[in-house]
Amino acid sequence: MKLKRVVVTGIGALTPIGHDVPTTWDNLLKGVSGAAPITYFDTELFKTKFACEVKGFNVLDYMENKEARKMDISSQFAVVAAQEALNDSGLDLSCENMQRIGVVVGSAIGGLHSLHEAFYTLVENNGLPRLNPFLLPKVLMDSIAGNMALHFGFQGPNYMTSSACASGGNAIVDAYNYIRMGRCEIMVSGGAEACITQLTVGGFDAMRALSTRNDDPQRASRPFDVDRDGFVMGEGAAMLILEDLDHALARGAHIYAELVGGGLSCDAYHITAPRPDGAGAAMSMRLALEEADMQPQEVDYINAHGTSTPMGDISECNAIAEVFGDHANKLLISSTKSMTGHMLGAAPAIESIVSILAMNKGIAPPTINLDQKDSAIPDWNFCAHKPVARDIRVALSNSFGFGGHNLTLLYKKYE
């Protein structure tokens, strides 16, 4: 069968540095960090006392309380980002076949805030289960996609993907394939995460995965820097409207980019650590290029996974070196996690949007806090401290997760 071409016609985001795409993009170019002391709970006993929270979010600015109280904050984030993406796409849903519009969203953890609240309620009531009747729908991860379908009326495929920090990317690949195979005309896809809680911060601290630069949070996420000491947790949501090219052209849609490849692989090495040689990550990049029928020399920009962990950054650079060889010297590479923090399952989606905007605007956002590159990392252009203007026609976005999951998305300018 002849596969359909898939394009991006709408984007939406709610991040630690902006409640919409324009604000987030503007702050990325300015090098604004979203890191600050945690406000959700008392951090006195925690090693890490800061994160990249979504600041000033009031769900009642976006929906009625009757609807909002049935959702975990992760679902609220997802619906808000999806609404922006739909508005941006110019879709008139009254003219669309809702059975041909699906939702696939990724999340690493799902409704953890609601689960925490329920446990505290049990403790405070000495085990008496006076629980919210919406508890289980709020906690279950699939409710994120389900709430999006309920809010907008989408009747096509509807489910969640979970592959740790690659989750949102897996969702986008699945949505891409539904359209390529002609099963849907439109897919709303991306990632949502809201898990800055005692359990996750404490758990990551126990693994020594988080930065403990408590005296200077905004400089804590420092990918590729010699003084990096771990990642910074983030939260939020990002959604893309993926559309059959013929359908998009028929309605005169604005096309941001074409999604041309998705590569997936597994390290099968360690439950949390990446393969030091980056072989699994290299495989996912090669598979994405192969699916797109493109050569490494055609890529202009890489939005790196770049979490600011000592092992992860070197592993990814080893993979880039293996796939791109000498061409790596010509690439622009940046890690926007230096500003947004690591939004876990939502990271692949916001970084897809960043990659798409880099092509549309002709500028790669910076990697902030890269003061002194680790000597184990090659002398490439990591866009240290400042954005770099350049014609970007092909952009690649990497996402890797606990469990050995490797995910690469490849976008190009629509022609």
Protein backbone atom coordinates (compact mmCIF):
# COMPACT_ATOMS: atom_id res chain seq x y z
CA MET A 1 0.00 0.00 0.00
CA LYS A 2 1.09 3.56 -0.61
CA LEU A 3 1.69 5.28 2.70
CA LYS A 4 0.20 8.71 3.36
CA ARG A 5 2.39 11.71 4.09
CA VAL A 6 1.99 13.19 7.58
CA VAL A 7 2.34 16.86 8.44
CA VAL A 8 2.15 18.97 11.60
CA THR A 9 -0.57 21.62 11.41
CA GLY A 10 -0.94 22.71 15.03
CA ILE A 11 1.16 22.94 18.20
CA GLY A 12 0.35 23.62 21.85
CA ALA A 13 2.36 23.63 25.06
CA LEU A 14 2.18 24.31 28.77
CA THR A 15 5.68 24.36 30.23
CA PRO A 16 7.74 25.60 33.19
CA ILE A 17 8.72 28.63 31.11
CA GLY A 18 5.40 29.46 29.47
CA HIS A 19 1.69 28.70 29.41
CA ASP A 20 1.65 28.60 25.61
CA VAL A 21 3.96 28.01 22.66
CA PRO A 22 4.87 31.66 21.88
CA THR A 23 5.86 32.41 25.49
CA THR A 24 7.81 29.17 25.82
CA TRP A 25 9.66 29.79 22.55
CA ASP A 26 10.47 33.39 23.46
CA ASN A 27 11.88 32.33 26.83
CA LEU A 28 13.92 29.55 25.22
CA LEU A 29 15.60 32.05 22.93
CA LYS A 30 16.25 34.33 25.92
CA GLY A 31 17.82 31.48 27.86
CA VAL A 32 15.29 31.61 30.71
CA SER A 33 15.44 28.78 33.23
CA GLY A 34 12.25 27.39 34.75
CA ALA A 35 14.04 26.03 37.83
CA ALA A 36 13.03 27.34 41.25
CA PRO A 37 12.41 26.05 44.80
CA ILE A 38 9.63 23.45 44.93
CA THR A 39 6.29 24.85 46.13
CA TYR A 40 4.20 21.66 46.10
CA PHE A 41 5.57 20.26 49.36
CA ASP A 42 8.03 20.92 52.18
CA THR A 43 11.50 19.97 50.94
CA GLU A 44 13.38 20.42 54.22
CA LEU A 45 14.31 16.73 54.45
CA PHE A 46 15.05 16.26 50.74
CA LYS A 47 18.45 16.35 49.05
CA THR A 48 16.96 18.19 46.07
CA LYS A 49 14.79 21.16 46.91
CA PHE A 50 14.00 22.59 43.46
CA ALA A 51 12.36 21.66 40.16
CA CYS A 52 10.85 23.20 37.04
CA GLU A 53 7.21 23.58 38.05
CA VAL A 54 4.51 25.05 35.81
CA LYS A 55 4.07 28.39 37.56
CA GLY A 56 0.84 30.28 38.11
CA PHE A 57 -1.37 27.65 36.51
CA ASN A 58 -5.07 28.04 37.32
CA VAL A 59 -7.15 25.41 35.60
CA LEU A 60 -10.29 27.53 36.02
CA ASP A 61 -8.85 29.90 33.44
CA TYR A 62 -9.39 27.10 30.92
CA MET A 63 -12.40 25.04 32.02
CA GLU A 64 -15.26 24.86 34.49
CA ASN A 65 -14.58 23.50 37.96
CA LYS A 66 -17.17 20.75 37.41
CA GLU A 67 -14.94 19.29 34.69
CA ALA A 68 -11.58 20.12 36.25
CA ARG A 69 -12.25 18.41 39.59
CA LYS A 70 -12.68 15.07 37.81
CA MET A 71 -9.16 15.27 36.38
CA ASP A 72 -5.67 14.83 37.76
CA ILE A 73 -3.45 17.81 37.00
CA SER A 74 -1.71 15.76 34.29
CA SER A 75 -5.01 15.54 32.40
CA GLN A 76 -5.65 19.23 32.95
CA PHE A 77 -2.25 20.05 31.46
CA ALA A 78 -2.98 17.79 28.47
CA VAL A 79 -6.37 19.32 27.69
CA VAL A 80 -4.97 22.86 27.90
CA ALA A 81 -2.09 22.08 25.53
CA ALA A 82 -4.43 20.25 23.14
CA GLN A 83 -6.79 23.23 23.05
CA GLU A 84 -3.95 25.53 22.00
CA ALA A 85 -2.83 23.07 19.33
CA LEU A 86 -6.35 22.75 17.93
CA ASN A 87 -6.84 26.52 17.90
CA ASP A 88 -3.49 26.87 16.17
CA SER A 89 -4.41 24.29 13.54
CA GLY A 90 -7.49 26.19 12.41
CA LEU A 91 -9.54 22.98 12.41
CA ASP A 92 -13.30 23.43 12.45
CA LEU A 93 -14.33 20.32 14.35
CA SER A 94 -17.98 20.80 13.36
CA CYS A 95 -16.92 20.00 9.80
CA GLU A 96 -14.81 16.95 10.66
CA ASN A 97 -15.66 13.27 11.00
CA MET A 98 -14.88 12.77 14.68
CA GLN A 99 -14.48 9.04 14.12
CA ARG A 100 -11.42 9.86 12.00
CA ILE A 101 -9.71 11.89 14.74
CA GLY A 102 -7.73 9.97 17.35
CA VAL A 103 -5.71 10.71 20.47
CA VAL A 104 -2.46 9.02 21.46
CA VAL A 105 -0.57 10.57 24.36
CA GLY A 106 2.49 9.50 26.34
CA SER A 107 3.19 9.80 30.06
CA ALA A 108 5.85 8.20 32.21
CA ILE A 109 3.85 8.14 35.44
CA GLY A 110 0.37 9.64 34.99
CA GLY A 111 -1.91 10.75 37.83
CA LEU A 112 0.53 10.66 40.71
CA HIS A 113 -0.70 13.83 42.44
CA SER A 114 -4.14 12.29 42.90
CA LEU A 115 -2.63 9.07 44.21
CA HIS A 116 -0.61 11.01 46.80
CA GLU A 117 -3.69 12.92 47.93
CA ALA A 118 -5.58 9.64 48.38
CA PHE A 119 -2.83 8.10 50.50
CA TYR A 120 -2.71 11.16 52.74
CA THR A 121 -6.48 10.99 53.11
CA LEU A 122 -6.23 7.36 54.24
CA VAL A 123 -3.54 8.20 56.78
CA GLU A 124 -5.40 11.22 58.15
CA ASN A 125 -8.57 9.13 58.53
CA ASN A 126 -6.70 6.23 60.18
CA GLY A 127 -7.36 3.99 57.22
CA LEU A 128 -11.02 4.88 56.75
CA PRO A 129 -11.47 4.95 52.94
CA ARG A 130 -13.34 8.22 52.53
CA LEU A 131 -12.01 8.68 49.03
CA ASN A 132 -12.97 10.80 46.04
CA PRO A 133 -15.30 8.79 43.75
CA PHE A 134 -13.19 10.00 40.84
CA LEU A 135 -9.97 8.69 42.41
CA LEU A 136 -9.33 5.77 40.08
CA PRO A 137 -10.22 7.64 36.87
CA LYS A 138 -7.89 10.42 38.00
CA VAL A 139 -5.02 8.05 38.80
CA LEU A 140 -5.25 5.74 35.79
CA MET A 141 -2.87 6.89 33.08
CA ASP A 142 -5.32 6.20 30.26
CA SER A 143 -7.58 8.92 31.67
CA ILE A 144 -5.29 11.56 30.15
CA ALA A 145 -6.21 10.50 26.62
CA GLY A 146 -9.75 9.69 27.72
CA ASN A 147 -10.30 13.16 29.16
CA MET A 148 -9.02 14.73 25.96
CA ALA A 149 -11.51 12.69 23.93
CA LEU A 150 -14.36 13.58 26.28
CA HIS A 151 -13.49 17.27 26.22
CA PHE A 152 -13.32 17.56 22.44
CA GLY A 153 -15.52 14.67 21.29
CA PHE A 154 -12.89 12.66 19.40
CA GLN A 155 -14.09 9.13 18.59
CA GLY A 156 -11.05 7.63 16.86
CA PRO A 157 -8.28 5.52 18.45
CA ASN A 158 -7.64 6.61 22.01
CA TYR A 159 -4.91 5.36 24.31
CA MET A 160 -1.69 6.10 26.19
CA THR A 161 1.88 4.99 25.67
CA SER A 162 4.41 4.57 28.46
CA SER A 163 8.13 4.17 27.86
CA ALA A 164 9.53 6.39 30.61
CA CYS A 165 11.06 9.55 29.16
CA ALA A 166 10.43 8.39 25.59
CA SER A 167 6.66 8.09 26.18
CA GLY A 168 5.50 11.16 24.27
CA GLY A 169 7.70 10.18 21.33
CA ASN A 170 6.24 6.69 21.19
CA ALA A 171 2.79 8.29 21.13
CA ILE A 172 3.77 10.51 18.20
CA VAL A 173 5.16 7.52 16.26
CA ASP A 174 1.94 5.57 16.81
CA ALA A 175 -0.18 8.54 15.73
CA TYR A 176 2.03 9.01 12.67
CA ASN A 177 1.50 5.38 11.67
CA TYR A 178 -2.29 5.57 12.05
CA ILE A 179 -2.34 8.40 9.54
CA ARG A 180 0.27 6.86 7.22
CA MET A 181 -1.85 3.72 6.96
CA GLY A 182 -5.00 5.71 6.22
CA ARG A 183 -6.83 4.73 9.39
CA CYS A 184 -7.24 8.32 10.59
CA GLU A 185 -6.99 11.73 9.00
CA ILE A 186 -6.08 13.66 12.14
CA MET A 187 -4.33 12.64 15.37
CA VAL A 188 -3.80 14.71 18.48
CA SER A 189 -0.58 13.44 20.00
CA GLY A 190 2.13 14.39 22.47
CA GLY A 191 2.88 14.00 26.14
CA ALA A 192 1.75 15.11 29.59
CA GLU A 193 3.42 14.84 32.98
CA ALA A 194 2.74 16.14 36.48
CA CYS A 195 4.74 14.16 39.00
CA ILE A 196 6.77 16.60 41.06
CA THR A 197 5.86 14.88 44.33
CA GLN A 198 7.61 13.62 47.44
CA LEU A 199 7.68 10.12 46.01
CA THR A 200 9.33 10.96 42.68
CA VAL A 201 11.77 13.55 43.99
CA GLY A 202 12.72 11.26 46.85
CA GLY A 203 13.02 8.28 44.52
CA PHE A 204 15.22 10.07 42.00
CA ASP A 205 17.31 11.44 44.86
CA ALA A 206 17.82 7.91 46.17
CA MET A 207 19.17 7.00 42.73
CA ARG A 208 21.41 10.08 42.76
CA ALA A 209 19.86 11.08 39.44
CA LEU A 210 18.86 14.66 40.36
CA SER A 211 21.03 17.72 40.64
CA THR A 212 21.50 18.95 44.21
CA ARG A 213 22.63 22.46 43.28
CA ASN A 214 20.14 23.92 45.76
CA ASP A 215 21.99 27.21 46.13
CA ASP A 216 21.65 28.01 42.41
CA PRO A 217 18.69 26.13 40.83
CA GLN A 218 18.63 28.09 37.59
CA ARG A 219 22.15 26.92 36.81
CA ALA A 220 21.57 23.32 37.88
CA SER A 221 20.59 21.82 34.52
CA ARG A 222 23.86 22.02 32.57
CA PRO A 223 23.97 19.46 29.76
CA PHE A 224 27.43 18.54 28.46
CA ASP A 225 29.11 20.72 31.10
CA VAL A 226 31.96 19.31 33.16
CA ASP A 227 30.20 20.28 36.40
CA ARG A 228 26.82 18.66 35.67
CA ASP A 229 25.54 16.57 38.56
CA GLY A 230 22.12 15.30 37.48
CA PHE A 231 18.89 16.34 35.85
CA VAL A 232 16.21 18.77 37.02
CA MET A 233 12.62 17.53 37.15
CA GLY A 234 10.05 19.33 35.05
CA GLU A 235 6.36 19.02 34.26
CA GLY A 236 3.79 20.17 31.74
CA ALA A 237 2.30 19.06 28.44
CA ALA A 238 2.83 19.50 24.72
CA MET A 239 0.55 18.44 21.87
CA LEU A 240 0.86 18.27 18.10
CA ILE A 241 -1.87 18.06 15.49
CA LEU A 242 -0.71 15.46 12.97
CA GLU A 243 -2.65 15.39 9.74
CA ASP A 244 -2.88 13.54 6.45
CA LEU A 245 -1.20 15.85 3.94
CA ASP A 246 -4.09 15.60 1.46
CA HIS A 247 -6.58 16.52 4.18
CA ALA A 248 -4.43 19.46 5.30
CA LEU A 249 -4.07 20.78 1.75
CA ALA A 250 -7.78 20.41 1.07
CA ARG A 251 -8.65 22.71 3.96
CA GLY A 252 -5.80 25.15 3.29
CA ALA A 253 -4.04 24.46 6.57
CA HIS A 254 -0.79 26.06 7.61
CA ILE A 255 1.86 23.32 7.58
CA TYR A 256 4.69 23.62 10.09
CA ALA A 257 6.68 20.58 9.03
CA GLU A 258 6.49 17.04 7.74
CA LEU A 259 7.12 14.11 10.08
CA VAL A 260 9.21 11.72 8.01
CA GLY A 261 10.71 9.17 10.38
CA GLY A 262 10.50 7.54 13.76
CA GLY A 263 13.17 5.18 15.06
CA LEU A 264 12.78 2.94 18.13
CA SER A 265 15.23 0.58 19.80
CA CYS A 266 16.16 -0.87 23.18
CA ASP A 267 19.55 -0.96 24.89
CA ALA A 268 18.79 -4.25 26.69
CA TYR A 269 21.67 -3.22 28.95
CA HIS A 270 20.49 -1.82 32.31
CA ILE A 271 17.15 -0.77 33.81
CA THR A 272 18.28 2.84 34.34
CA ALA A 273 21.74 3.41 32.84
CA PRO A 274 22.29 3.88 29.08
CA ARG A 275 24.77 1.82 27.12
CA PRO A 276 28.06 3.71 27.47
CA ASP A 277 28.85 3.30 23.76
CA GLY A 278 25.43 4.68 22.76
CA ALA A 279 24.77 1.76 20.40
CA GLY A 280 21.04 1.64 21.12
CA ALA A 281 20.62 5.38 20.64
CA ALA A 282 22.61 5.18 17.41
CA MET A 283 20.25 2.46 16.20
CA SER A 284 17.15 4.61 16.81
CA MET A 285 18.69 7.51 14.87
CA ARG A 286 19.65 5.25 11.98
CA LEU A 287 16.16 3.73 11.86
CA ALA A 288 14.54 7.17 11.72
CA LEU A 289 16.84 8.19 8.86
CA GLU A 290 16.20 4.92 7.06
CA GLU A 291 12.43 5.33 7.31
CA ALA A 292 12.75 8.84 5.89
CA ASP A 293 15.11 7.62 3.13
CA MET A 294 17.59 10.29 4.20
CA GLN A 295 21.32 10.42 4.80
CA PRO A 296 22.94 11.71 8.01
CA GLN A 297 24.48 14.58 6.02
CA GLU A 298 20.99 15.99 5.40
CA VAL A 299 20.34 16.69 9.10
CA ASP A 300 20.97 20.28 10.22
CA TYR A 301 19.87 20.34 13.88
CA ILE A 302 19.60 17.88 16.75
CA ASN A 303 17.52 18.60 19.81
CA ALA A 304 19.45 16.32 22.13
CA HIS A 305 18.01 14.25 24.94
CA GLY A 306 20.75 15.99 26.94
CA THR A 307 19.48 15.53 30.48
CA SER A 308 22.61 16.79 32.29
CA THR A 309 23.47 13.41 33.81
CA PRO A 310 27.13 12.37 33.84
CA MET A 311 26.58 9.08 31.97
CA GLY A 312 23.67 10.01 29.72
CA ASP A 313 25.23 13.01 27.97
CA ILE A 314 28.39 11.10 27.05
CA SER A 315 26.42 8.08 25.82
CA GLU A 316 24.30 10.25 23.53
CA CYS A 317 27.37 12.01 22.14
CA ASN A 318 28.96 8.63 21.42
CA ALA A 319 25.83 7.70 19.48
CA ILE A 320 25.84 10.96 17.50
CA ALA A 321 29.50 10.45 16.64
CA GLU A 322 28.79 6.92 15.42
CA VAL A 323 25.87 7.93 13.19
CA PHE A 324 27.06 11.28 11.86
CA GLY A 325 30.84 10.94 11.77
CA ASP A 326 32.52 14.10 10.50
CA HIS A 327 29.14 15.67 9.73
CA ALA A 328 28.63 16.10 13.49
CA ASN A 329 31.06 19.03 13.25
CA LYS A 330 28.54 20.83 11.01
CA LEU A 331 25.46 20.15 13.14
CA LEU A 332 23.74 22.52 15.52
CA ILE A 333 22.99 20.65 18.75
CA SER A 334 21.19 21.95 21.79
CA SER A 335 19.50 20.65 24.91
CA THR A 336 16.48 22.72 25.85
CA LYS A 337 16.15 20.70 29.06
CA SER A 338 18.71 23.19 30.35
CA MET A 339 15.72 25.58 30.52
CA THR A 340 12.52 23.51 30.76
CA GLY A 341 14.00 20.82 32.99
CA HIS A 342 13.22 17.22 32.16
CA MET A 343 9.47 16.98 31.52
CA LEU A 344 9.77 13.16 31.54
CA GLY A 345 7.08 11.63 29.29
CA ALA A 346 6.19 15.05 27.88
CA ALA A 347 9.80 15.85 26.93
CA PRO A 348 9.71 14.27 23.43
CA ALA A 349 6.62 16.31 22.55
CA ILE A 350 7.87 19.71 23.68
CA GLU A 351 11.24 18.99 22.07
CA SER A 352 9.47 18.07 18.83
CA ILE A 353 7.77 21.45 18.92
CA VAL A 354 11.12 23.14 19.57
CA SER A 355 12.69 21.29 16.64
CA ILE A 356 9.80 22.29 14.36
CA LEU A 357 10.02 25.94 15.39
CA ALA A 358 13.80 25.90 14.89
CA MET A 359 13.13 25.00 11.26
CA ASN A 360 10.33 27.53 10.86
CA LYS A 361 12.21 30.39 12.50
CA GLY A 362 15.68 29.54 11.20
CA ILE A 363 17.25 29.58 14.64
CA ALA A 364 18.38 26.92 17.12
CA PRO A 365 17.74 27.67 20.80
CA PRO A 366 20.67 27.63 23.19
CA THR A 367 22.02 25.20 25.73
CA ILE A 368 22.35 27.38 28.80
CA ASN A 369 24.79 26.78 31.66
CA LEU A 370 27.34 25.16 29.35
CA ASP A 371 30.30 27.02 30.80
CA GLN A 372 33.03 24.42 30.34
CA LYS A 373 32.41 21.43 28.13
CA ASP A 374 33.29 18.02 29.50
CA SER A 375 36.57 16.95 27.89
CA ALA A 376 35.02 13.53 27.14
CA ILE A 377 32.56 15.25 24.78
CA PRO A 378 33.59 16.33 21.24
CA ASP A 379 34.05 19.97 20.28
CA TRP A 380 30.71 20.35 18.50
CA ASN A 381 28.43 23.37 18.26
CA PHE A 382 26.12 22.98 21.28
CA CYS A 383 24.75 26.52 20.90
CA ALA A 384 26.24 27.36 24.30
CA HIS A 385 24.46 30.27 26.02
CA LYS A 386 23.11 31.82 22.81
CA PRO A 387 20.74 30.80 20.01
CA VAL A 388 22.33 30.26 16.60
CA ALA A 389 20.67 31.50 13.41
CA ARG A 390 20.91 29.15 10.44
CA ASP A 391 18.75 27.69 7.70
CA ILE A 392 17.47 24.44 9.22
CA ARG A 393 15.72 22.11 6.80
CA VAL A 394 15.91 18.82 8.71
CA ALA A 395 15.70 18.45 12.49
CA LEU A 396 16.15 15.35 14.62
CA SER A 397 14.92 14.94 18.20
CA ASN A 398 16.22 12.27 20.58
CA SER A 399 14.50 10.86 23.67
CA PHE A 400 15.72 8.01 25.85
CA GLY A 401 14.16 6.44 28.93
CA PHE A 402 14.66 4.08 31.85
CA GLY A 403 14.23 0.53 30.65
CA GLY A 404 16.62 1.14 27.77
CA HIS A 405 14.02 2.83 25.54
CA ASN A 406 15.45 4.85 22.65
CA LEU A 407 13.29 7.06 20.45
CA THR A 408 14.21 9.37 17.57
CA LEU A 409 11.84 11.61 15.61
CA LEU A 410 12.81 13.20 12.30
CA TYR A 411 11.12 16.28 10.90
CA LYS A 412 11.77 18.24 7.71
CA LYS A 413 10.50 21.40 6.14
CA TYR A 414 7.38 20.75 4.10
CA GLU A 415 7.91 20.90 0.37
